[in-house]
Protein backbone atom coordinates (compact mmCIF):
# COMPACT_ATOMS: atom_id res chain seq x y z
CA MET A 1 19.42 114.22 29.73
CA ILE A 2 22.04 116.83 30.59
CA PRO A 3 25.26 116.90 28.53
CA ARG A 4 28.24 115.44 30.38
CA ARG A 5 31.97 116.02 30.16
CA ASN A 6 34.21 113.29 31.47
CA GLY A 7 31.21 111.73 33.22
CA LYS A 8 30.14 114.94 34.96
CA GLU A 9 27.43 117.43 34.11
CA SER A 10 28.77 120.53 32.40
CA PHE A 11 28.28 123.81 34.26
CA SER A 12 26.31 125.45 31.45
CA ALA A 13 23.99 122.46 31.15
CA VAL A 14 23.43 122.32 34.91
CA ARG A 15 22.73 126.05 34.98
CA THR A 16 20.27 125.71 32.12
CA HIS A 17 18.61 122.83 33.91
CA GLN A 18 18.32 124.86 37.13
CA LEU A 19 16.80 127.83 35.34
CA LEU A 20 14.33 125.57 33.57
CA ALA A 21 13.37 123.97 36.86
CA ALA A 22 12.79 127.37 38.44
CA LEU A 23 10.62 128.46 35.52
CA VAL A 24 8.65 125.22 35.69
CA LEU A 25 8.03 125.74 39.39
CA VAL A 26 6.76 129.29 38.90
CA VAL A 27 4.46 128.30 36.05
CA CYS A 28 3.07 125.18 37.68
CA ILE A 29 2.27 126.72 41.04
CA SER A 30 0.93 130.00 39.68
CA MET A 31 -1.51 128.80 37.01
CA PRO A 32 -4.97 128.80 38.59
CA SER A 33 -7.37 125.92 38.34
CA SER A 34 -10.89 126.64 37.14
CA GLY A 35 -12.03 126.84 40.75
CA GLY A 36 -9.82 129.80 41.72
CA ALA A 37 -6.35 130.17 43.20
CA ALA A 38 -3.89 127.43 42.39
CA PRO A 39 -2.89 125.02 45.17
CA LEU A 40 0.73 125.26 46.22
CA ALA A 41 2.95 122.58 44.70
CA GLU A 42 6.17 121.53 46.41
CA TYR A 43 9.11 121.11 44.03
CA VAL A 44 10.95 117.95 45.05
CA THR A 45 13.99 116.05 43.80
CA TYR A 46 15.25 112.50 44.22
CA LYS A 47 17.71 110.13 42.56
CA THR A 48 17.34 106.96 40.55
CA GLU A 49 19.31 103.81 41.30
CA ASP A 50 21.75 104.74 38.52
CA GLY A 51 22.36 108.18 40.02
CA LEU A 52 20.20 110.48 37.90
CA ALA A 53 18.52 113.41 39.63
CA LEU A 54 14.81 113.66 38.83
CA GLN A 55 12.21 116.25 39.75
CA ALA A 56 8.52 116.24 40.64
CA LEU A 57 5.72 118.53 41.74
CA LEU A 58 3.95 117.38 44.90
CA TRP A 59 0.54 118.60 46.04
CA GLN A 60 -0.70 117.57 49.49
CA PRO A 61 -4.07 117.98 51.23
CA THR A 62 -4.40 120.02 54.41
CA LYS A 63 -4.81 116.88 56.53
CA PRO A 64 -2.17 114.11 56.50
CA THR A 65 -2.80 111.22 54.12
CA ASP A 66 -1.19 107.85 53.54
CA THR A 67 -2.09 107.77 49.83
CA LEU A 68 -0.19 109.32 46.95
CA LEU A 69 -1.24 109.38 43.31
CA ILE A 70 1.85 109.47 41.05
CA TRP A 71 1.26 110.81 37.54
CA VAL A 72 3.76 109.57 34.93
CA PRO A 73 3.61 111.56 31.66
CA GLY A 74 3.91 110.34 28.11
CA MET A 75 6.32 110.88 25.22
CA THR A 76 9.50 112.60 26.52
CA GLY A 77 8.17 112.26 30.04
CA GLY A 78 8.06 115.73 31.55
CA PHE A 79 5.46 117.53 33.62
CA VAL A 80 5.97 120.70 31.56
CA GLY A 81 3.30 120.65 28.88
CA PRO A 82 -0.29 121.50 27.98
CA TRP A 83 -1.87 119.48 30.81
CA ASN A 84 -3.85 121.32 33.47
CA LEU A 85 -2.16 119.76 36.48
CA ASN A 86 -3.46 122.31 38.97
CA ALA A 87 -7.10 121.62 38.18
CA ILE A 88 -6.54 117.88 38.58
CA ALA A 89 -4.45 118.29 41.74
CA SER A 90 -7.01 120.63 43.31
CA ASN A 91 -9.76 118.04 43.00
CA VAL A 92 -7.54 115.21 44.18
CA ILE A 93 -6.26 116.94 47.32
CA ASN A 94 -9.76 118.17 48.16
CA LYS A 95 -10.71 114.51 48.48
CA GLY A 96 -7.83 113.85 50.85
CA TYR A 97 -5.25 112.29 48.51
CA ALA A 98 -1.78 113.61 47.66
CA TYR A 99 -0.80 114.04 44.01
CA MET A 100 2.65 114.06 42.42
CA ALA A 101 3.53 114.80 38.78
CA VAL A 102 6.98 113.48 37.89
CA ASN A 103 9.70 114.01 35.35
CA THR A 104 11.46 111.07 33.74
CA ARG A 105 15.09 110.94 32.63
CA THR A 106 14.23 112.13 29.12
CA ALA A 107 12.35 115.27 30.14
CA GLY A 108 13.89 118.49 28.90
CA LEU A 109 17.07 119.11 26.98
CA HIS A 110 17.62 116.06 24.78
CA GLY A 111 14.37 114.14 24.87
CA MET A 112 14.44 110.49 23.90
CA LEU A 113 17.28 110.73 21.38
CA PHE A 114 19.32 107.83 22.83
CA ALA A 115 16.79 106.53 25.35
CA LEU A 116 16.00 102.90 26.10
CA PHE A 117 12.50 102.14 27.30
CA GLU A 118 13.57 99.75 30.06
CA ASP A 119 15.35 102.58 31.90
CA TYR A 120 12.02 104.26 32.66
CA ALA A 121 11.33 101.52 35.21
CA LYS A 122 14.17 103.03 37.27
CA ASP A 123 12.47 106.43 37.11
CA VAL A 124 9.11 105.10 38.28
CA ASP A 125 10.85 103.06 40.97
CA ALA A 126 12.63 106.20 42.19
CA ALA A 127 9.31 108.05 42.44
CA VAL A 128 7.78 105.17 44.40
CA GLY A 129 10.85 105.12 46.65
CA TYR A 130 10.46 108.84 47.25
CA ALA A 131 6.83 108.25 48.22
CA LYS A 132 7.99 105.77 50.83
CA SER A 133 10.56 108.24 52.16
CA ARG A 134 7.77 110.76 52.72
CA GLY A 135 5.71 108.30 54.73
CA PHE A 136 3.13 107.28 52.13
CA THR A 137 2.02 103.67 52.41
CA ASN A 138 -0.34 103.47 49.43
CA VAL A 139 0.52 104.50 45.89
CA VAL A 140 -1.63 104.68 42.77
CA LEU A 141 0.31 104.96 39.50
CA ILE A 142 -1.29 107.00 36.71
CA GLY A 143 0.29 106.55 33.30
CA HIS A 144 -0.71 109.12 30.70
CA SER A 145 -0.37 108.22 27.00
CA LEU A 146 3.04 106.49 26.66
CA GLY A 147 3.24 106.79 30.45
CA GLY A 148 0.76 103.91 30.61
CA CYS A 149 3.39 101.67 29.03
CA ARG A 150 5.93 102.94 31.56
CA ILE A 151 3.88 102.20 34.68
CA VAL A 152 2.76 98.72 33.67
CA TYR A 153 6.26 97.69 32.62
CA TYR A 154 7.55 98.93 35.99
CA TRP A 155 4.82 97.08 37.87
CA ALA A 156 5.49 93.85 35.97
CA GLN A 157 9.18 94.04 36.99
CA LYS A 158 8.76 95.09 40.62
CA LYS A 159 5.22 94.24 41.82
CA ASP A 160 5.84 96.44 44.84
CA PRO A 161 2.92 95.92 47.26
CA ILE A 162 2.78 99.64 48.03
CA VAL A 163 1.29 100.10 44.54
CA ARG A 164 -2.42 99.50 45.06
CA ALA A 165 -3.82 100.33 41.61
CA LEU A 166 -2.88 101.36 38.07
CA VAL A 167 -4.64 104.02 36.00
CA PHE A 168 -4.20 104.09 32.23
CA SER A 169 -4.95 107.65 31.12
CA ALA A 170 -5.38 108.24 27.37
CA SER A 171 -2.90 105.39 27.01
CA ILE A 172 -1.90 103.39 23.95
CA LYS A 173 -1.31 99.72 23.18
CA SER A 174 2.23 100.56 22.08
CA PRO A 175 3.69 103.22 19.79
CA TYR A 176 3.89 100.69 16.95
CA LEU A 177 0.41 99.24 17.47
CA GLU A 178 -1.12 102.68 17.97
CA ALA A 179 0.25 103.77 14.60
CA GLN A 180 -1.17 100.67 12.92
CA ILE A 181 -4.62 101.90 13.95
CA ARG A 182 -4.07 105.50 12.92
CA TRP A 183 -2.19 105.03 9.64
CA ASN A 184 -3.44 103.84 6.28
CA GLU A 185 -1.90 100.89 4.44
CA LYS A 186 0.63 103.02 2.57
CA GLU A 187 1.78 104.76 5.76
CA ARG A 188 2.16 101.44 7.57
CA ALA A 189 4.29 100.06 4.75
CA GLN A 190 6.47 103.17 4.69
CA TYR A 191 7.16 102.92 8.39
CA ASP A 192 7.94 99.20 8.22
CA THR A 193 10.55 100.00 5.57
CA PHE A 194 12.00 102.74 7.77
CA LEU A 195 12.00 100.47 10.82
CA GLN A 196 13.90 97.80 8.90
CA LYS A 197 16.52 100.42 8.03
CA ALA A 198 16.88 101.17 11.75
CA ARG A 199 17.21 97.46 12.54
CA ASP A 200 19.91 97.10 9.89
CA LEU A 201 21.87 99.99 11.40
CA VAL A 202 21.68 98.41 14.85
CA ALA A 203 22.78 95.04 13.47
CA THR A 204 25.86 96.61 11.87
CA GLY A 205 26.94 98.45 15.04
CA ARG A 206 25.49 101.81 14.03
CA GLY A 207 22.66 101.96 16.55
CA ASN A 208 23.59 105.50 17.58
CA ASP A 209 23.05 106.88 14.08
CA VAL A 210 20.35 109.52 14.28
CA LEU A 211 17.24 109.19 12.13
CA THR A 212 14.10 111.29 11.64
CA TYR A 213 10.60 110.07 10.81
CA GLN A 214 7.34 111.97 10.37
CA TRP A 215 5.56 110.10 13.17
CA SER A 216 2.46 112.26 13.55
CA ALA A 217 2.04 116.02 13.23
CA ASN A 218 5.71 116.58 14.08
CA PRO A 219 8.87 114.77 12.96
CA LEU A 220 10.41 112.39 15.48
CA THR A 221 14.21 112.26 15.75
CA LEU A 222 15.83 109.34 17.59
CA SER A 223 18.81 107.06 17.31
CA ALA A 224 18.25 103.90 15.28
CA LYS A 225 18.53 101.85 18.47
CA SER A 226 15.89 103.95 20.23
CA PHE A 227 13.50 103.69 17.27
CA VAL A 228 13.66 99.91 17.40
CA ASN A 229 13.59 99.79 21.20
CA MET A 230 10.56 102.06 21.67
CA PHE A 231 8.78 102.23 18.33
CA GLY A 232 9.32 98.69 17.15
CA THR A 233 7.03 95.66 17.18
CA LEU A 234 6.20 93.85 20.42
CA ASP A 235 8.84 91.24 19.56
CA GLU A 236 11.56 93.88 19.90
CA SER A 237 10.01 96.54 22.15
CA ASN A 238 8.73 96.55 25.74
CA ALA A 239 7.03 99.92 25.26
CA SER A 240 3.56 98.42 25.50
CA THR A 241 0.58 98.19 27.79
CA VAL A 242 -1.06 95.12 26.27
CA LYS A 243 2.19 93.14 26.42
CA PHE A 244 2.27 93.39 30.23
CA CYS A 245 -1.33 94.08 31.28
CA PRO A 246 -2.16 90.34 31.47
CA GLN A 247 0.27 90.19 34.43
CA VAL A 248 -1.56 92.89 36.41
CA THR A 249 -3.16 91.46 39.56
CA ILE A 250 -4.22 94.74 41.18
CA PRO A 251 -7.19 96.99 40.34
CA ALA A 252 -6.94 99.00 37.13
CA VAL A 253 -8.86 101.90 35.64
CA VAL A 254 -8.72 102.82 31.95
CA ILE A 255 -9.70 106.41 31.09
CA SER A 256 -10.05 107.48 27.47
CA PHE A 257 -11.49 110.33 25.40
CA THR A 258 -14.16 109.46 22.85
CA LYS A 259 -12.59 111.61 20.12
CA ASP A 260 -8.92 111.41 21.08
CA ARG A 261 -6.91 111.85 17.88
CA LEU A 262 -3.63 110.54 19.35
CA ALA A 263 -4.82 107.61 21.46
CA LEU A 264 -7.72 106.42 19.32
CA PRO A 265 -10.51 104.54 21.17
CA PRO A 266 -9.39 101.04 20.07
CA ASN A 267 -6.31 101.53 22.27
CA ALA A 268 -8.38 101.83 25.44
CA GLU A 269 -10.58 98.90 24.45
CA ALA A 270 -7.52 96.70 23.89
CA ILE A 271 -5.91 97.74 27.19
CA TYR A 272 -9.11 96.98 29.08
CA ALA A 273 -9.47 93.59 27.39
CA SER A 274 -5.84 92.68 28.18
CA LEU A 275 -6.31 93.17 31.95
CA THR A 276 -7.36 89.55 32.30
CA ALA A 277 -5.99 88.97 35.83
CA SER A 278 -7.04 92.26 37.44
CA PRO A 279 -9.50 91.79 40.33
CA MET A 280 -11.26 95.00 39.33
CA LYS A 281 -11.08 96.80 36.03
CA GLU A 282 -13.07 99.68 34.67
CA LEU A 283 -13.17 101.47 31.32
CA VAL A 284 -14.46 105.05 31.48
CA TRP A 285 -15.04 107.33 28.51
CA ILE A 286 -14.86 111.11 28.62
CA GLU A 287 -16.59 112.96 25.80
CA GLY A 288 -14.23 115.00 23.65
CA GLU A 289 -10.71 114.98 22.20
CA ASP A 290 -8.59 116.65 24.90
CA HIS A 291 -5.72 114.13 24.93
CA PHE A 292 -3.57 116.40 27.10
CA VAL A 293 -6.33 117.22 29.61
CA GLY A 294 -5.57 120.89 29.13
CA GLN A 295 -9.00 122.50 29.14
CA PRO A 296 -10.33 123.43 32.62
CA GLN A 297 -13.69 121.73 32.11
CA THR A 298 -12.01 118.58 30.79
CA ALA A 299 -9.60 118.52 33.73
CA GLU A 300 -12.50 118.79 36.19
CA ARG A 301 -14.33 115.90 34.54
CA TYR A 302 -11.14 113.87 34.31
CA ALA A 303 -10.41 114.38 38.00
CA GLN A 304 -13.91 113.26 38.93
CA VAL A 305 -13.61 110.11 36.84
CA LEU A 306 -10.26 109.42 38.47
CA LEU A 307 -11.70 109.89 41.97
CA ASP A 308 -14.70 107.70 41.21
CA GLY A 309 -12.35 104.93 40.14
CA LEU A 310 -10.27 105.32 43.29
CA ALA A 311 -13.40 105.09 45.43
CA LYS A 312 -14.10 101.68 43.92
CA VAL A 313 -10.50 100.59 44.46
CA LYS A 314 -10.72 101.75 48.07
CA ALA A 315 -13.90 99.75 48.61
CA LEU A 316 -12.35 96.67 47.04
CA THR A 317 -9.09 96.77 48.99
CA GLY A 318 -10.96 97.45 52.22
CA ALA A 319 -13.40 94.61 51.61
CA LYS A 320 -10.51 92.18 51.11
CA GLY A 321 -8.93 93.13 54.40
CA GLY A 322 -6.11 95.18 52.97
CA THR A 323 -5.11 98.64 54.11
CA PRO A 324 -7.74 101.13 52.89
CA LEU A 325 -6.43 103.51 50.26
CA ASN A 326 -6.92 106.46 52.54
CA LYS A 327 -7.37 106.11 56.29
C-alpha cells in the first residue's frame, strides 16, 4: 500500500509507485519467452470497490476472444517476481485466450504488514469487473501459491457466473497447514507459541504491534493482527483453499510440482480431495521444483498443462449447454 497523509497519497509515494510501474512495464514486455520475441503486454489499471487503484498486465491474441485467464499471484500479491509470465502468456494467446497477470493491494511498497486476507476478495472482484468492462464473458481464475486461497475465497463469496473454472497453481492448503507439513515437531511448537503471543496482543488491543518470525528462508514481518488473520489456524483464518474448496461447483484444475519445496505435494493432494462438489476436477503433476515457474522449459510445460485443462473445461461446459469457453 502507498503511504497516505490525511487520507491522500503522498506525492513522493505516488511518484515512487509510478516509477515502479513504469519499470515493471518495461521489464515484463521486454523479457523474451523461450520461443523468441516477447508478446506485447498492455499495462492496465482499475479500482476496487473501496477505491484502491490496482494494476495488471494484459496479453491478448490477434483475433478477438471472449475468454480471459486471470492470474492471481501468491504471498504479497504482485506480478513482479521470478515467474516467466511472457512464456506462459505466449502459449495462452497462441491458443486464442487472453491472459492477465494482476497486482493485489499488498504488492509493492509495504507488503502485507497490516493486511487482512478478506480484503483480497475485493481485488479479485475488481479484476473480474475489469474483464467485464473489456467485453470478456468467460473468466478462468488462476491462483498461484497463496493466490489459490485468494481465488477460492473470492469465488465462495461471489459465485459470479462469469467465472467458469478455477486453477490452483502450486497452491497450499493454508499458510498454517502448509507449515505443519514442512516443519518438524519443534518448529511447529515454536510457531504455536509465537502465534499465541500474536493472539494475546490482538486481544489486548495491540493488534498493530509489528512482529517478525522466521517463516521459511526469509523472516516474515507482519502486524500481530495480520499474523493471526493470515497465518493462523482455520478457526481464525480464511486464508485457505481446503476450507472453501468443498463449496466449489465449477470445474477445477490443480497443478503442482513433484519436488516443490514451498508447496509440498500433500498440499495439492488435499486441495484435490477437498473439491468434493466440483463437476470436473483434475490433478496434474509437473516434474521438478520450479515453484515460481521461472525457467523457460518449466513455463512451456506449465502452459501446456494449463491449456490441456482448459480444453477439458471447454468440452464440459459446451456439453452441458453453457457458453463455450472460447467461441
